[in-house]
Amino acid sequence: MKSRTLIALLSLICVQGLAMAQYIWVDEKGNKQYSDTAPPASVPKSRIIKAPGAASGTTSAPAPAATPSAPAKPQTTASKNEDYNKRRTEQAEAAQKNAAEQQASQDKKADCERARSYQRSLESGERVANVDSKGERYFLDDNQRSKEIDQVKKALANCQ
């Protein structure tokens, strides 16, 4: 009976060491991370300070921070909020710029389609009427029609 108790006690002691397995590594910002799960694959082995199964202190020293002259400072909540707000405004500006570009593209497409339609009307030989500054309607003669066709062709040169 004593031997069974002794074996059970020894097995519990061995299992306890595995249950308290802990990883320690330095992230890309220079902060120490503690976890009971392995670090992400993006963390190089040179930055892992402690891993289960390895004796403490036998792994290589952590890689220095990105800027060795300046000590790594932990980010405060205010700086995290500032970074978040900055990213959010950049995303909003990018979305607004993208929407403006899409709108300009749609407007240009519509203008080109109107110019093509007007060109077809002018070249069809139909009588085309315009309204002058007094609000009076007049029909284009052959000279005016050819000038209008030239102007439409210049405008359509940008549509290709």
Protein backbone atom coordinates (compact mmCIF):
# COMPACT_ATOMS: atom_id res chain seq x y z
CA MET A 1 0.00 0.00 0.00
CA LYS A 2 2.82 2.37 0.81
CA SER A 3 4.45 1.71 -2.56
CA ARG A 4 1.21 2.57 -4.39
CA THR A 5 0.92 5.82 -2.49
CA LEU A 6 4.54 6.62 -3.21
CA ILE A 7 4.12 5.91 -6.95
CA ALA A 8 0.93 8.01 -7.11
CA LEU A 9 2.66 10.87 -5.31
CA LEU A 10 5.67 10.76 -7.64
CA SER A 11 3.45 10.67 -10.74
CA LEU A 12 1.47 13.68 -9.48
CA ILE A 13 4.70 15.62 -8.93
CA CYS A 14 5.83 14.84 -12.50
CA VAL A 15 2.46 15.82 -13.98
CA GLN A 16 2.42 19.03 -11.96
CA GLY A 17 5.54 20.26 -13.75
CA LEU A 18 3.86 19.74 -17.11
CA ALA A 19 0.68 21.45 -15.98
CA MET A 20 2.61 24.59 -15.06
CA ALA A 21 4.34 24.76 -18.44
CA GLN A 22 4.86 28.37 -19.41
CA TYR A 23 6.29 30.17 -22.41
CA ILE A 24 8.03 33.52 -22.17
CA TRP A 25 9.00 35.48 -25.29
CA VAL A 26 9.64 39.04 -26.43
CA ASP A 27 7.20 40.43 -29.02
CA GLU A 28 8.10 42.78 -31.88
CA LYS A 29 7.48 45.84 -29.67
CA GLY A 30 9.96 44.62 -27.07
CA ASN A 31 7.34 43.59 -24.47
CA LYS A 32 7.68 40.30 -22.59
CA GLN A 33 4.76 37.96 -23.18
CA TYR A 34 3.81 35.15 -20.79
CA SER A 35 1.54 32.33 -21.90
CA ASP A 36 0.77 28.67 -21.35
CA THR A 37 0.45 28.22 -25.13
CA ALA A 38 3.26 28.39 -27.66
CA PRO A 39 4.07 31.80 -29.18
CA PRO A 40 2.85 32.50 -32.73
CA ALA A 41 4.89 31.16 -35.62
CA SER A 42 5.98 34.72 -36.50
CA VAL A 43 8.10 34.89 -33.32
CA PRO A 44 11.67 33.74 -34.10
CA LYS A 45 13.28 31.22 -31.78
CA SER A 46 15.88 33.79 -30.75
CA ARG A 47 13.13 35.79 -28.98
CA ILE A 48 11.77 32.85 -26.95
CA ILE A 49 13.18 33.20 -23.44
CA LYS A 50 11.60 30.17 -21.81
CA ALA A 51 9.81 27.14 -23.20
CA PRO A 52 8.58 23.99 -21.45
CA GLY A 53 11.06 21.12 -21.64
CA ALA A 54 14.02 23.49 -21.81
CA ALA A 55 15.90 24.48 -18.70
CA SER A 56 15.31 28.06 -17.69
CA GLY A 57 18.00 30.37 -19.03
CA THR A 58 19.44 27.86 -21.54
CA THR A 59 17.89 29.53 -24.56
CA SER A 60 19.62 32.44 -26.19
CA ALA A 61 19.03 35.97 -24.98
CA PRO A 62 16.07 37.80 -26.47
CA ALA A 63 16.67 39.86 -29.58
CA PRO A 64 17.10 43.56 -28.88
CA ALA A 65 14.20 45.88 -29.48
CA ALA A 66 13.84 47.60 -32.86
CA THR A 67 15.56 50.73 -31.55
CA PRO A 68 18.33 49.75 -29.14
CA SER A 69 19.03 53.36 -28.14
CA ALA A 70 15.51 53.93 -26.82
CA PRO A 71 14.16 51.59 -24.14
CA ALA A 72 10.86 49.96 -25.01
CA LYS A 73 8.00 51.71 -23.24
CA PRO A 74 4.70 49.95 -22.66
CA GLN A 75 1.84 51.53 -24.51
CA THR A 76 -0.66 53.38 -22.40
CA THR A 77 -4.39 53.28 -22.99
CA ALA A 78 -4.28 56.86 -24.23
CA SER A 79 -1.64 56.05 -26.84
CA LYS A 80 -3.57 52.95 -27.91
CA ASN A 81 -6.71 55.07 -28.30
CA GLU A 82 -4.73 57.67 -30.24
CA ASP A 83 -3.38 54.98 -32.58
CA TYR A 84 -6.87 53.54 -33.01
CA ASN A 85 -8.38 56.95 -33.81
CA LYS A 86 -5.57 57.68 -36.25
CA ARG A 87 -6.14 54.38 -38.08
CA ARG A 88 -9.88 55.01 -38.09
CA THR A 89 -9.53 58.48 -39.62
CA GLU A 90 -7.08 57.15 -42.22
CA GLN A 91 -9.56 54.42 -43.16
CA ALA A 92 -12.38 56.96 -43.37
CA GLU A 93 -10.28 59.25 -45.58
CA ALA A 94 -9.32 56.33 -47.82
CA ALA A 95 -12.96 55.26 -48.10
CA GLN A 96 -14.03 58.83 -48.89
CA LYS A 97 -11.30 59.15 -51.52
CA ASN A 98 -12.30 55.82 -53.06
CA ALA A 99 -15.97 56.89 -53.17
CA ALA A 100 -15.02 60.19 -54.81
CA GLU A 101 -12.94 58.36 -57.44
CA GLN A 102 -15.81 55.99 -58.18
CA GLN A 103 -18.24 58.90 -58.47
CA ALA A 104 -15.87 60.74 -60.83
CA SER A 105 -15.50 57.60 -62.93
CA GLN A 106 -19.28 57.19 -63.14
CA ASP A 107 -19.73 60.87 -64.04
CA LYS A 108 -17.10 60.63 -66.77
CA LYS A 109 -18.75 57.49 -68.16
CA ALA A 110 -22.15 59.24 -68.25
CA ASP A 111 -20.64 62.34 -69.92
CA CYS A 112 -18.98 60.18 -72.55
CA GLU A 113 -22.24 58.36 -73.26
CA ARG A 114 -24.09 61.68 -73.66
CA ALA A 115 -21.36 62.94 -76.02
CA ARG A 116 -21.60 59.73 -78.12
CA SER A 117 -25.36 60.09 -78.30
CA TYR A 118 -25.05 63.74 -79.36
CA GLN A 119 -22.46 62.78 -81.96
CA ARG A 120 -24.81 60.14 -83.40
CA SER A 121 -27.57 62.75 -83.57
CA LEU A 122 -25.33 65.24 -85.34
CA GLU A 123 -24.01 62.71 -87.83
CA SER A 124 -27.43 61.23 -88.58
CA GLY A 125 -28.46 64.31 -90.60
CA GLU A 126 -31.52 65.04 -88.46
CA ARG A 127 -32.36 68.63 -87.73
CA VAL A 128 -30.86 69.59 -84.39
CA ALA A 129 -32.26 72.48 -82.42
CA ASN A 130 -30.57 74.49 -79.67
CA VAL A 131 -31.73 77.31 -77.42
CA ASP A 132 -29.87 80.63 -77.40
CA SER A 133 -29.27 82.93 -74.43
CA LYS A 134 -32.65 84.65 -74.96
CA GLY A 135 -34.43 81.31 -74.72
CA GLU A 136 -35.29 81.22 -78.42
CA ARG A 137 -34.99 77.97 -80.30
CA TYR A 138 -32.92 77.78 -83.48
CA PHE A 139 -31.76 74.96 -85.79
CA LEU A 140 -28.11 74.25 -86.58
CA ASP A 141 -26.96 74.97 -90.11
CA ASP A 142 -24.20 72.92 -91.81
CA ASN A 143 -21.33 75.09 -90.54
CA GLN A 144 -22.60 74.99 -86.95
CA ARG A 145 -23.18 71.23 -87.25
CA SER A 146 -19.56 70.63 -88.41
CA LYS A 147 -18.23 72.79 -85.55
CA GLU A 148 -20.34 70.84 -83.07
CA ILE A 149 -19.10 67.54 -84.50
CA ASP A 150 -15.47 68.70 -84.12
CA GLN A 151 -16.10 69.75 -80.51
CA VAL A 152 -17.77 66.41 -79.72
CA LYS A 153 -14.86 64.50 -81.25
CA LYS A 154 -12.41 66.47 -79.07
CA ALA A 155 -14.49 65.68 -76.01
CA LEU A 156 -14.68 61.97 -76.97
CA ALA A 157 -10.89 61.80 -77.37
CA ASN A 158 -10.66 61.72 -73.54
CA CYS A 159 -13.23 58.92 -73.24
CA GLN A 160 -11.14 56.14 -74.66
